[in-house]
Amino acid sequence: MSDGTAADALFGLTPPDRVAGVLHELGLRGITVRHSMRELSDTPVERFDADQAHLAHALAIDAGTSGRGHRVPQLDTTRANTGSARAWVELLQALWTPSAVPPETAGRVRGLMAHNLLRHRLAPDFSSDATTWSSKTGTLLNLRHEVGVVEHSDGQAFAVAVLTESLVPASTQPGADALMAQVARGLRDHLRQL
């Protein structure tokens, strides 16, 4: 089960600054790791009652500043953990193909991603008898993300990174999740035909 507590247990063994250093040593420079998951998840939504969570989402949507800063520290790209879609795809490529990542480490991560229990976003569009979908989701306030690799029985594999920022102040948005999957699958289908 992938969650903040599990991630922080790992950060207890390898602190965020060391993780950042390892990524840099591996040539993966587009991901910034600055703090633990506990710090990341300490957002305004935890301070509101469940029936007022929409207020935290509204704050997340409306509190941005010029230069990609943000009044919510976890959304301020100058202080928060960050990564671009390209950076996540480069990490997935390093895990799925021979790279500087030790093979046993890459294999373990691939196995964990293949058995991830949270599979509600892209899995419906990428799972089938002829494919394997391995992924990791991420949600923080109005951000909904998923990165993964779809492997086809014919040997083709595609890394997918979908990073979204909602303008709707709601915690649950199944339509947004479905749209993420539909667009990602459409792009994969296009690449598969090339």
N, C-alpha and C. Protein backbone atom coordinates (compact mmCIF):
# COMPACT_ATOMS: atom_id res chain seq x y z
N MET A 1 0.85 -1.18 0.00
CA MET A 1 0.00 0.00 0.00
C MET A 1 0.89 1.23 0.00
N SER A 2 0.81 2.00 -1.03
CA SER A 2 1.61 3.21 -1.15
C SER A 2 0.88 4.35 -0.45
N ASP A 3 1.53 4.96 0.54
CA ASP A 3 0.94 6.12 1.19
C ASP A 3 2.05 6.95 1.82
N GLY A 4 1.66 8.09 2.40
CA GLY A 4 2.64 8.99 2.98
C GLY A 4 3.42 8.37 4.12
N THR A 5 2.77 7.53 4.93
CA THR A 5 3.46 6.89 6.05
C THR A 5 4.54 5.95 5.54
N ALA A 6 4.22 5.18 4.53
CA ALA A 6 5.22 4.27 3.95
C ALA A 6 6.38 5.06 3.35
N ALA A 7 6.06 6.14 2.64
CA ALA A 7 7.12 6.97 2.05
C ALA A 7 8.01 7.58 3.12
N ASP A 8 7.40 8.04 4.22
CA ASP A 8 8.20 8.64 5.29
C ASP A 8 9.06 7.60 6.00
N ALA A 9 8.59 6.35 6.07
CA ALA A 9 9.44 5.29 6.62
C ALA A 9 10.69 5.13 5.77
N LEU A 10 10.51 5.21 4.44
CA LEU A 10 11.67 5.13 3.54
C LEU A 10 12.55 6.37 3.66
N PHE A 11 11.92 7.54 3.80
CA PHE A 11 12.71 8.76 4.01
C PHE A 11 13.48 8.70 5.33
N GLY A 12 12.98 7.94 6.30
CA GLY A 12 13.72 7.74 7.54
C GLY A 12 15.02 6.98 7.30
N LEU A 13 15.02 6.11 6.31
CA LEU A 13 16.23 5.36 5.95
C LEU A 13 17.12 6.15 4.99
N THR A 14 16.49 6.88 4.09
CA THR A 14 17.21 7.70 3.10
C THR A 14 16.52 9.05 3.05
N PRO A 15 17.06 10.06 3.77
CA PRO A 15 16.41 11.37 3.85
C PRO A 15 16.24 12.04 2.49
N PRO A 16 15.28 12.98 2.39
CA PRO A 16 15.01 13.65 1.12
C PRO A 16 16.25 14.22 0.42
N ASP A 17 17.17 14.84 1.17
CA ASP A 17 18.36 15.40 0.52
C ASP A 17 19.23 14.31 -0.09
N ARG A 18 19.28 13.13 0.52
CA ARG A 18 20.05 12.01 -0.05
C ARG A 18 19.35 11.46 -1.28
N VAL A 19 18.01 11.38 -1.24
CA VAL A 19 17.26 10.93 -2.42
C VAL A 19 17.55 11.87 -3.58
N ALA A 20 17.52 13.18 -3.32
CA ALA A 20 17.82 14.17 -4.36
C ALA A 20 19.22 13.95 -4.91
N GLY A 21 20.17 13.67 -4.01
CA GLY A 21 21.54 13.43 -4.45
C GLY A 21 21.67 12.19 -5.32
N VAL A 22 20.99 11.12 -4.94
CA VAL A 22 21.03 9.89 -5.73
C VAL A 22 20.43 10.12 -7.12
N LEU A 23 19.30 10.83 -7.19
CA LEU A 23 18.71 11.14 -8.49
C LEU A 23 19.69 11.91 -9.35
N HIS A 24 20.37 12.87 -8.76
CA HIS A 24 21.36 13.67 -9.49
C HIS A 24 22.51 12.78 -9.97
N GLU A 25 22.99 11.90 -9.11
CA GLU A 25 24.08 10.98 -9.48
C GLU A 25 23.67 10.08 -10.64
N LEU A 26 22.40 9.73 -10.70
CA LEU A 26 21.89 8.87 -11.77
C LEU A 26 21.60 9.64 -13.05
N GLY A 27 21.81 10.96 -13.01
CA GLY A 27 21.56 11.78 -14.19
C GLY A 27 20.11 12.20 -14.34
N LEU A 28 19.31 12.02 -13.30
CA LEU A 28 17.89 12.37 -13.33
C LEU A 28 17.72 13.69 -12.59
N ARG A 29 17.75 14.78 -13.35
CA ARG A 29 17.82 16.10 -12.73
C ARG A 29 16.51 16.89 -12.72
N GLY A 30 15.45 16.38 -13.24
CA GLY A 30 14.21 17.15 -13.31
C GLY A 30 13.27 16.96 -12.14
N ILE A 31 13.70 16.18 -11.13
CA ILE A 31 12.86 15.94 -9.95
C ILE A 31 13.58 16.53 -8.75
N THR A 32 12.86 17.34 -7.98
CA THR A 32 13.41 17.97 -6.78
C THR A 32 12.74 17.38 -5.55
N VAL A 33 13.53 16.83 -4.64
CA VAL A 33 13.01 16.26 -3.41
C VAL A 33 13.55 17.11 -2.26
N ARG A 34 12.66 17.83 -1.58
CA ARG A 34 13.09 18.75 -0.53
C ARG A 34 12.59 18.38 0.86
N HIS A 35 11.49 17.63 0.96
CA HIS A 35 10.93 17.36 2.28
C HIS A 35 10.16 16.05 2.28
N SER A 36 9.79 15.63 3.48
CA SER A 36 9.07 14.37 3.68
C SER A 36 7.61 14.49 3.25
N MET A 37 6.95 13.36 3.23
CA MET A 37 5.53 13.33 2.89
C MET A 37 4.69 13.96 3.99
N ARG A 38 5.13 13.84 5.24
CA ARG A 38 4.39 14.46 6.34
C ARG A 38 4.30 15.96 6.14
N GLU A 39 5.41 16.56 5.75
CA GLU A 39 5.41 18.00 5.47
C GLU A 39 4.54 18.31 4.26
N LEU A 40 4.61 17.45 3.25
CA LEU A 40 3.85 17.67 2.02
C LEU A 40 2.35 17.62 2.29
N SER A 41 1.94 16.69 3.13
CA SER A 41 0.50 16.50 3.33
C SER A 41 -0.09 17.38 4.43
N ASP A 42 0.72 18.22 5.06
CA ASP A 42 0.21 19.12 6.11
C ASP A 42 -0.34 20.39 5.45
N THR A 43 -1.47 20.23 4.77
CA THR A 43 -2.08 21.31 4.00
C THR A 43 -3.33 21.83 4.71
N PRO A 44 -3.92 22.89 4.21
CA PRO A 44 -5.15 23.41 4.82
C PRO A 44 -6.30 22.39 4.87
N VAL A 45 -6.32 21.42 3.98
CA VAL A 45 -7.44 20.48 3.96
C VAL A 45 -7.50 19.70 5.28
N GLU A 46 -6.36 19.49 5.94
CA GLU A 46 -6.34 18.77 7.21
C GLU A 46 -6.91 19.62 8.36
N ARG A 47 -7.05 20.89 8.16
CA ARG A 47 -7.54 21.79 9.20
C ARG A 47 -9.05 22.06 9.12
N PHE A 48 -9.65 21.64 8.01
CA PHE A 48 -11.08 21.85 7.82
C PHE A 48 -11.85 20.56 8.11
N ASP A 49 -13.12 20.70 8.49
CA ASP A 49 -13.99 19.54 8.59
C ASP A 49 -14.20 18.98 7.17
N ALA A 50 -14.54 17.71 7.08
CA ALA A 50 -14.71 17.06 5.77
C ALA A 50 -15.70 17.81 4.89
N ASP A 51 -16.77 18.34 5.48
CA ASP A 51 -17.77 19.04 4.67
C ASP A 51 -17.31 20.42 4.21
N GLN A 52 -16.11 20.83 4.65
CA GLN A 52 -15.57 22.12 4.22
C GLN A 52 -14.26 21.97 3.44
N ALA A 53 -13.95 20.75 3.04
CA ALA A 53 -12.72 20.51 2.29
C ALA A 53 -12.66 21.35 1.01
N HIS A 54 -13.81 21.67 0.46
CA HIS A 54 -13.84 22.48 -0.77
C HIS A 54 -13.17 23.84 -0.54
N LEU A 55 -13.16 24.33 0.70
CA LEU A 55 -12.52 25.61 0.99
C LEU A 55 -11.00 25.52 0.82
N ALA A 56 -10.43 24.40 1.24
CA ALA A 56 -8.99 24.19 1.05
C ALA A 56 -8.66 24.09 -0.44
N HIS A 57 -9.53 23.44 -1.19
CA HIS A 57 -9.31 23.34 -2.64
C HIS A 57 -9.44 24.70 -3.30
N ALA A 58 -10.38 25.50 -2.87
CA ALA A 58 -10.52 26.86 -3.42
C ALA A 58 -9.28 27.68 -3.12
N LEU A 59 -8.74 27.55 -1.91
CA LEU A 59 -7.51 28.25 -1.56
C LEU A 59 -6.37 27.79 -2.47
N ALA A 60 -6.26 26.50 -2.70
CA ALA A 60 -5.21 25.98 -3.56
C ALA A 60 -5.33 26.53 -4.98
N ILE A 61 -6.55 26.67 -5.45
CA ILE A 61 -6.79 27.14 -6.81
C ILE A 61 -6.49 28.63 -6.93
N ASP A 62 -6.85 29.40 -5.94
CA ASP A 62 -6.81 30.86 -6.05
C ASP A 62 -5.61 31.55 -5.39
N ALA A 63 -4.75 30.81 -4.70
CA ALA A 63 -3.69 31.46 -3.91
C ALA A 63 -2.32 31.47 -4.58
N GLY A 64 -2.27 31.21 -5.87
CA GLY A 64 -1.01 31.27 -6.59
C GLY A 64 -0.48 32.69 -6.70
N THR A 65 0.82 32.81 -6.85
CA THR A 65 1.45 34.12 -7.01
C THR A 65 2.19 34.14 -8.33
N SER A 66 2.63 35.29 -8.75
CA SER A 66 3.40 35.36 -9.99
C SER A 66 4.72 34.61 -9.79
N GLY A 67 5.23 34.04 -10.85
CA GLY A 67 6.48 33.30 -10.76
C GLY A 67 6.33 31.90 -10.22
N ARG A 68 5.13 31.34 -10.24
CA ARG A 68 4.81 29.98 -9.79
C ARG A 68 4.96 29.81 -8.28
N GLY A 69 5.02 30.90 -7.54
CA GLY A 69 4.97 30.81 -6.09
C GLY A 69 3.55 30.51 -5.66
N HIS A 70 3.36 30.25 -4.38
CA HIS A 70 2.02 29.93 -3.90
C HIS A 70 1.96 30.20 -2.40
N ARG A 71 0.80 30.68 -1.94
CA ARG A 71 0.62 30.93 -0.51
C ARG A 71 0.51 29.64 0.29
N VAL A 72 0.16 28.54 -0.35
CA VAL A 72 0.18 27.22 0.28
C VAL A 72 1.58 26.65 0.02
N PRO A 73 2.41 26.50 1.04
CA PRO A 73 3.82 26.12 0.83
C PRO A 73 4.00 24.85 -0.01
N GLN A 74 3.12 23.87 0.14
CA GLN A 74 3.26 22.62 -0.59
C GLN A 74 3.04 22.79 -2.10
N LEU A 75 2.43 23.90 -2.49
CA LEU A 75 2.19 24.17 -3.91
C LEU A 75 3.15 25.23 -4.47
N ASP A 76 4.04 25.72 -3.65
CA ASP A 76 5.03 26.72 -4.07
C ASP A 76 6.22 25.97 -4.67
N THR A 77 6.37 26.05 -5.97
CA THR A 77 7.41 25.27 -6.64
C THR A 77 8.82 25.71 -6.28
N THR A 78 8.97 26.84 -5.61
CA THR A 78 10.30 27.26 -5.16
C THR A 78 10.68 26.61 -3.83
N ARG A 79 9.69 25.98 -3.16
CA ARG A 79 9.95 25.37 -1.85
C ARG A 79 9.53 23.91 -1.76
N ALA A 80 8.70 23.45 -2.67
CA ALA A 80 8.10 22.12 -2.56
C ALA A 80 8.87 21.08 -3.36
N ASN A 81 8.50 19.83 -3.15
CA ASN A 81 8.97 18.76 -4.03
C ASN A 81 8.35 19.01 -5.40
N THR A 82 9.13 18.85 -6.45
CA THR A 82 8.62 19.10 -7.80
C THR A 82 9.15 18.08 -8.78
N GLY A 83 8.48 17.98 -9.91
CA GLY A 83 8.93 17.14 -11.01
C GLY A 83 8.06 17.39 -12.21
N SER A 84 8.66 17.47 -13.36
CA SER A 84 7.90 17.67 -14.60
C SER A 84 7.49 16.31 -15.17
N ALA A 85 6.54 16.33 -16.08
CA ALA A 85 6.12 15.10 -16.76
C ALA A 85 7.33 14.46 -17.45
N ARG A 86 8.14 15.27 -18.11
CA ARG A 86 9.33 14.75 -18.79
C ARG A 86 10.27 14.07 -17.80
N ALA A 87 10.46 14.69 -16.62
CA ALA A 87 11.36 14.12 -15.61
C ALA A 87 10.83 12.77 -15.11
N TRP A 88 9.52 12.67 -14.90
CA TRP A 88 8.96 11.40 -14.44
C TRP A 88 9.10 10.33 -15.51
N VAL A 89 8.90 10.69 -16.77
CA VAL A 89 9.08 9.71 -17.86
C VAL A 89 10.54 9.28 -17.93
N GLU A 90 11.47 10.20 -17.74
CA GLU A 90 12.89 9.83 -17.74
C GLU A 90 13.21 8.87 -16.59
N LEU A 91 12.60 9.09 -15.43
CA LEU A 91 12.79 8.16 -14.31
C LEU A 91 12.22 6.79 -14.66
N LEU A 92 11.01 6.76 -15.22
CA LEU A 92 10.41 5.48 -15.62
C LEU A 92 11.28 4.77 -16.65
N GLN A 93 11.82 5.51 -17.60
CA GLN A 93 12.71 4.91 -18.60
C GLN A 93 13.94 4.30 -17.92
N ALA A 94 14.48 5.00 -16.94
CA ALA A 94 15.65 4.48 -16.22
C ALA A 94 15.32 3.23 -15.42
N LEU A 95 14.06 3.09 -15.01
CA LEU A 95 13.64 1.91 -14.25
C LEU A 95 13.28 0.73 -15.15
N TRP A 96 12.86 1.00 -16.38
CA TRP A 96 12.40 -0.07 -17.28
C TRP A 96 13.44 -0.50 -18.31
N THR A 97 14.48 0.28 -18.52
CA THR A 97 15.51 -0.08 -19.49
C THR A 97 16.87 -0.05 -18.79
N PRO A 98 17.85 -0.73 -19.33
CA PRO A 98 19.17 -0.69 -18.69
C PRO A 98 19.65 0.76 -18.54
N SER A 99 20.09 1.07 -17.32
CA SER A 99 20.51 2.44 -17.01
C SER A 99 21.46 2.40 -15.82
N ALA A 100 21.74 3.56 -15.27
CA ALA A 100 22.60 3.65 -14.09
C ALA A 100 21.90 3.14 -12.83
N VAL A 101 20.59 2.94 -12.89
CA VAL A 101 19.87 2.40 -11.74
C VAL A 101 20.24 0.92 -11.61
N PRO A 102 20.70 0.49 -10.43
CA PRO A 102 21.03 -0.93 -10.27
C PRO A 102 19.85 -1.83 -10.65
N PRO A 103 20.09 -2.89 -11.43
CA PRO A 103 19.00 -3.75 -11.92
C PRO A 103 18.09 -4.29 -10.82
N GLU A 104 18.66 -4.67 -9.67
CA GLU A 104 17.81 -5.21 -8.60
C GLU A 104 16.89 -4.13 -8.01
N THR A 105 17.38 -2.90 -7.96
CA THR A 105 16.56 -1.79 -7.48
C THR A 105 15.44 -1.50 -8.48
N ALA A 106 15.80 -1.43 -9.75
CA ALA A 106 14.80 -1.16 -10.79
C ALA A 106 13.73 -2.24 -10.79
N GLY A 107 14.14 -3.49 -10.67
CA GLY A 107 13.18 -4.60 -10.65
C GLY A 107 12.24 -4.53 -9.47
N ARG A 108 12.76 -4.17 -8.32
CA ARG A 108 11.92 -4.06 -7.11
C ARG A 108 10.88 -2.94 -7.28
N VAL A 109 11.32 -1.80 -7.80
CA VAL A 109 10.38 -0.68 -8.00
C VAL A 109 9.32 -1.05 -9.04
N ARG A 110 9.73 -1.70 -10.13
CA ARG A 110 8.75 -2.13 -11.14
C ARG A 110 7.71 -3.07 -10.52
N GLY A 111 8.16 -3.98 -9.69
CA GLY A 111 7.24 -4.91 -9.03
C GLY A 111 6.27 -4.20 -8.11
N LEU A 112 6.78 -3.25 -7.34
CA LEU A 112 5.90 -2.49 -6.44
C LEU A 112 4.87 -1.69 -7.24
N MET A 113 5.30 -1.07 -8.33
CA MET A 113 4.38 -0.29 -9.14
C MET A 113 3.33 -1.18 -9.82
N ALA A 114 3.72 -2.39 -10.20
CA ALA A 114 2.77 -3.30 -10.85
C ALA A 114 1.69 -3.76 -9.89
N HIS A 115 2.00 -3.76 -8.60
CA HIS A 115 1.04 -4.24 -7.60
C HIS A 115 0.44 -3.12 -6.76
N ASN A 116 0.56 -1.90 -7.23
CA ASN A 116 0.00 -0.75 -6.53
C ASN A 116 -1.51 -0.94 -6.39
N LEU A 117 -2.03 -0.75 -5.18
CA LEU A 117 -3.46 -0.95 -4.95
C LEU A 117 -4.33 0.22 -5.41
N LEU A 118 -3.76 1.42 -5.49
CA LEU A 118 -4.54 2.60 -5.91
C LEU A 118 -4.44 2.72 -7.43
N ARG A 119 -5.48 2.27 -8.12
CA ARG A 119 -5.42 2.16 -9.57
C ARG A 119 -6.70 2.71 -10.21
N HIS A 120 -7.17 3.84 -9.76
CA HIS A 120 -8.46 4.34 -10.20
C HIS A 120 -8.39 5.35 -11.33
N ARG A 121 -7.22 5.83 -11.68
CA ARG A 121 -7.15 6.89 -12.69
C ARG A 121 -6.90 6.32 -14.09
N LEU A 122 -5.72 5.87 -14.35
CA LEU A 122 -5.38 5.45 -15.71
C LEU A 122 -5.55 3.94 -15.93
N ALA A 123 -5.55 3.16 -14.87
CA ALA A 123 -5.65 1.70 -15.01
C ALA A 123 -6.84 1.25 -15.86
N PRO A 124 -8.03 1.84 -15.72
CA PRO A 124 -9.14 1.35 -16.54
C PRO A 124 -8.87 1.45 -18.04
N ASP A 125 -8.05 2.39 -18.45
CA ASP A 125 -7.77 2.55 -19.88
C ASP A 125 -6.50 1.82 -20.33
N PHE A 126 -5.69 1.34 -19.40
CA PHE A 126 -4.44 0.69 -19.78
C PHE A 126 -4.36 -0.78 -19.38
N SER A 127 -5.25 -1.27 -18.57
CA SER A 127 -5.22 -2.67 -18.14
C SER A 127 -6.05 -3.53 -19.07
N SER A 128 -5.47 -4.67 -19.43
CA SER A 128 -6.20 -5.64 -20.25
C SER A 128 -5.46 -6.97 -20.15
N ASP A 129 -6.02 -7.99 -20.79
CA ASP A 129 -5.34 -9.29 -20.81
C ASP A 129 -4.03 -9.23 -21.60
N ALA A 130 -3.89 -8.23 -22.48
CA ALA A 130 -2.70 -8.12 -23.33
C ALA A 130 -1.74 -7.03 -22.87
N THR A 131 -1.99 -6.43 -21.70
CA THR A 131 -1.11 -5.37 -21.21
C THR A 131 -0.88 -5.53 -19.71
N THR A 132 0.21 -4.93 -19.27
CA THR A 132 0.50 -4.79 -17.84
C THR A 132 0.64 -3.31 -17.57
N TRP A 133 -0.08 -2.81 -16.56
CA TRP A 133 -0.01 -1.41 -16.20
C TRP A 133 0.62 -1.31 -14.82
N SER A 134 1.74 -0.61 -14.73
CA SER A 134 2.45 -0.39 -13.47
C SER A 134 2.49 1.11 -13.24
N SER A 135 2.04 1.57 -12.04
CA SER A 135 1.90 3.01 -11.89
C SER A 135 1.98 3.46 -10.44
N LYS A 136 2.01 4.76 -10.29
CA LYS A 136 1.95 5.43 -8.99
C LYS A 136 1.10 6.67 -9.15
N THR A 137 0.10 6.82 -8.29
CA THR A 137 -0.73 8.01 -8.30
C THR A 137 -0.19 9.01 -7.28
N GLY A 138 -0.63 10.23 -7.43
CA GLY A 138 -0.30 11.28 -6.47
C GLY A 138 -1.42 12.29 -6.45
N THR A 139 -1.85 12.67 -5.25
CA THR A 139 -2.93 13.65 -5.10
C THR A 139 -2.56 14.61 -3.99
N LEU A 140 -2.69 15.88 -4.26
CA LEU A 140 -2.46 16.90 -3.25
C LEU A 140 -3.37 18.07 -3.58
N LEU A 141 -4.36 18.28 -2.72
CA LEU A 141 -5.33 19.35 -2.94
C LEU A 141 -5.89 19.27 -4.35
N ASN A 142 -5.62 20.26 -5.19
CA ASN A 142 -6.21 20.26 -6.54
C ASN A 142 -5.30 19.63 -7.59
N LEU A 143 -4.24 18.97 -7.16
CA LEU A 143 -3.34 18.28 -8.09
C LEU A 143 -3.69 16.79 -8.12
N ARG A 144 -3.85 16.26 -9.33
CA ARG A 144 -4.11 14.84 -9.52
C ARG A 144 -3.13 14.33 -10.56
N HIS A 145 -2.28 13.38 -10.16
CA HIS A 145 -1.24 12.88 -11.06
C HIS A 145 -1.23 11.36 -11.09
N GLU A 146 -0.69 10.84 -12.17
CA GLU A 146 -0.34 9.42 -12.23
C GLU A 146 0.77 9.26 -13.25
N VAL A 147 1.76 8.45 -12.88
CA VAL A 147 2.83 8.10 -13.80
C VAL A 147 2.93 6.58 -13.82
N GLY A 148 3.25 6.04 -14.99
CA GLY A 148 3.36 4.60 -15.08
C GLY A 148 3.86 4.15 -16.43
N VAL A 149 3.93 2.83 -16.58
CA VAL A 149 4.37 2.21 -17.82
C VAL A 149 3.35 1.15 -18.21
N VAL A 150 2.91 1.22 -19.47
CA VAL A 150 2.04 0.18 -20.01
C VAL A 150 2.90 -0.70 -20.91
N GLU A 151 2.92 -2.00 -20.60
CA GLU A 151 3.70 -2.97 -21.38
C GLU A 151 2.73 -3.87 -22.12
N HIS A 152 2.92 -3.97 -23.44
CA HIS A 152 2.03 -4.76 -24.29
C HIS A 152 2.64 -6.13 -24.55
N SER A 153 1.79 -7.12 -24.79
CA SER A 153 2.26 -8.48 -25.02
C SER A 153 3.12 -8.59 -26.28
N ASP A 154 3.02 -7.61 -27.20
CA ASP A 154 3.85 -7.63 -28.41
C ASP A 154 5.24 -7.04 -28.17
N GLY A 155 5.54 -6.64 -26.91
CA GLY A 155 6.86 -6.12 -26.58
C GLY A 155 6.95 -4.61 -26.51
N GLN A 156 5.96 -3.90 -27.03
CA GLN A 156 5.98 -2.45 -26.94
C GLN A 156 5.69 -2.01 -25.51
N ALA A 157 6.35 -0.93 -25.10
CA ALA A 157 6.13 -0.36 -23.77
C ALA A 157 6.12 1.16 -23.90
N PHE A 158 5.25 1.80 -23.14
CA PHE A 158 5.13 3.25 -23.18
C PHE A 158 5.10 3.80 -21.76
N ALA A 159 5.95 4.78 -21.50
CA ALA A 159 5.91 5.50 -20.23
C ALA A 159 4.87 6.61 -20.36
N VAL A 160 4.08 6.79 -19.31
CA VAL A 160 3.00 7.76 -19.32
C VAL A 160 3.11 8.61 -18.06
N ALA A 161 3.04 9.92 -18.21
CA ALA A 161 3.00 10.82 -17.06
C ALA A 161 1.88 11.83 -17.29
N VAL A 162 0.90 11.81 -16.41
CA VAL A 162 -0.23 12.74 -16.50
C VAL A 162 -0.24 13.55 -15.21
N LEU A 163 0.04 14.84 -15.34
CA LEU A 163 0.06 15.75 -14.20
C LEU A 163 -1.01 16.79 -14.44
N THR A 164 -1.98 16.89 -13.54
CA THR A 164 -3.09 17.82 -13.75
C THR A 164 -3.26 18.75 -12.55
N GLU A 165 -3.85 19.89 -12.84
CA GLU A 165 -4.16 20.89 -11.83
C GLU A 165 -5.61 21.32 -12.06
N SER A 166 -6.49 20.93 -11.15
CA SER A 166 -7.92 21.19 -11.30
C SER A 166 -8.27 22.60 -10.88
N LEU A 167 -9.25 23.16 -11.55
CA LEU A 167 -9.81 24.45 -11.17
C LEU A 167 -11.18 24.30 -10.52
N VAL A 168 -11.50 23.05 -10.14
CA VAL A 168 -12.78 22.75 -9.49
C VAL A 168 -12.49 22.47 -8.01
N PRO A 169 -13.11 23.21 -7.08
CA PRO A 169 -12.85 23.02 -5.66
C PRO A 169 -13.60 21.82 -5.07
N ALA A 170 -13.15 20.62 -5.44
CA ALA A 170 -13.78 19.39 -4.94
C ALA A 170 -12.73 18.31 -4.78
N SER A 171 -12.87 17.51 -3.73
CA SER A 171 -11.91 16.43 -3.47
C SER A 171 -12.09 15.28 -4.45
N THR A 172 -13.31 14.90 -4.70
CA THR A 172 -13.61 13.76 -5.55
C THR A 172 -14.06 14.25 -6.91
N GLN A 173 -13.33 13.83 -7.95
CA GLN A 173 -13.66 14.26 -9.30
C GLN A 173 -13.48 13.09 -10.27
N PRO A 174 -14.40 12.14 -10.26
CA PRO A 174 -14.26 10.97 -11.14
C PRO A 174 -14.22 11.35 -12.62
N GLY A 175 -14.91 12.41 -13.00
CA GLY A 175 -14.88 12.85 -14.39
C GLY A 175 -13.49 13.29 -14.81
N ALA A 176 -12.78 13.98 -13.91
CA ALA A 176 -11.42 14.41 -14.21
C ALA A 176 -10.50 13.20 -14.35
N ASP A 177 -10.67 12.22 -13.44
CA ASP A 177 -9.86 11.00 -13.54
C ASP A 177 -10.11 10.27 -14.87
N ALA A 178 -11.37 10.19 -15.25
CA ALA A 178 -11.72 9.51 -16.50
C ALA A 178 -11.15 10.25 -17.70
N LEU A 179 -11.20 11.58 -17.67
CA LEU A 179 -10.65 12.37 -18.77
C LEU A 179 -9.14 12.20 -18.86
N MET A 180 -8.46 12.17 -17.71
CA MET A 180 -7.01 11.93 -17.71
C MET A 180 -6.70 10.63 -18.45
N ALA A 181 -7.43 9.58 -18.11
CA ALA A 181 -7.19 8.27 -18.71
C ALA A 181 -7.50 8.28 -20.21
N GLN A 182 -8.60 8.92 -20.58
CA GLN A 182 -9.00 8.96 -21.99
C GLN A 182 -7.95 9.66 -22.84
N VAL A 183 -7.46 10.80 -22.38
CA VAL A 183 -6.45 11.55 -23.14
C VAL A 183 -5.15 10.76 -23.21
N ALA A 184 -4.71 10.20 -22.08
CA ALA A 184 -3.47 9.42 -22.07
C ALA A 184 -3.56 8.22 -23.00
N ARG A 185 -4.69 7.53 -22.98
CA ARG A 185 -4.85 6.38 -23.87
C ARG A 185 -4.87 6.81 -25.33
N GLY A 186 -5.53 7.92 -25.63
CA GLY A 186 -5.55 8.41 -27.01
C GLY A 186 -4.16 8.71 -27.53
N LEU A 187 -3.32 9.32 -26.69
CA LEU A 187 -1.93 9.60 -27.10
C LEU A 187 -1.15 8.32 -27.28
N ARG A 188 -1.33 7.37 -26.35
CA ARG A 188 -0.64 6.08 -26.49
C ARG A 188 -1.09 5.36 -27.76
N ASP A 189 -2.39 5.37 -28.03
CA ASP A 189 -2.90 4.71 -29.24
C ASP A 189 -2.29 5.34 -30.49
N HIS A 190 -2.15 6.66 -30.48
CA HIS A 190 -1.53 7.34 -31.62
C HIS A 190 -0.07 6.90 -31.79
N LEU A 191 0.68 6.87 -30.73
CA LEU A 191 2.09 6.45 -30.80
C LEU A 191 2.22 4.99 -31.21
N ARG A 192 1.30 4.16 -30.80
CA ARG A 192 1.35 2.74 -31.12
C ARG A 192 1.15 2.49 -32.61
N GLN A 193 0.47 3.41 -33.27
CA GLN A 193 0.22 3.27 -34.71
C GLN A 193 1.37 3.78 -35.56
N LEU A 194 2.29 4.51 -34.99
CA LEU A 194 3.40 5.08 -35.78
C LEU A 194 4.39 4.02 -36.22
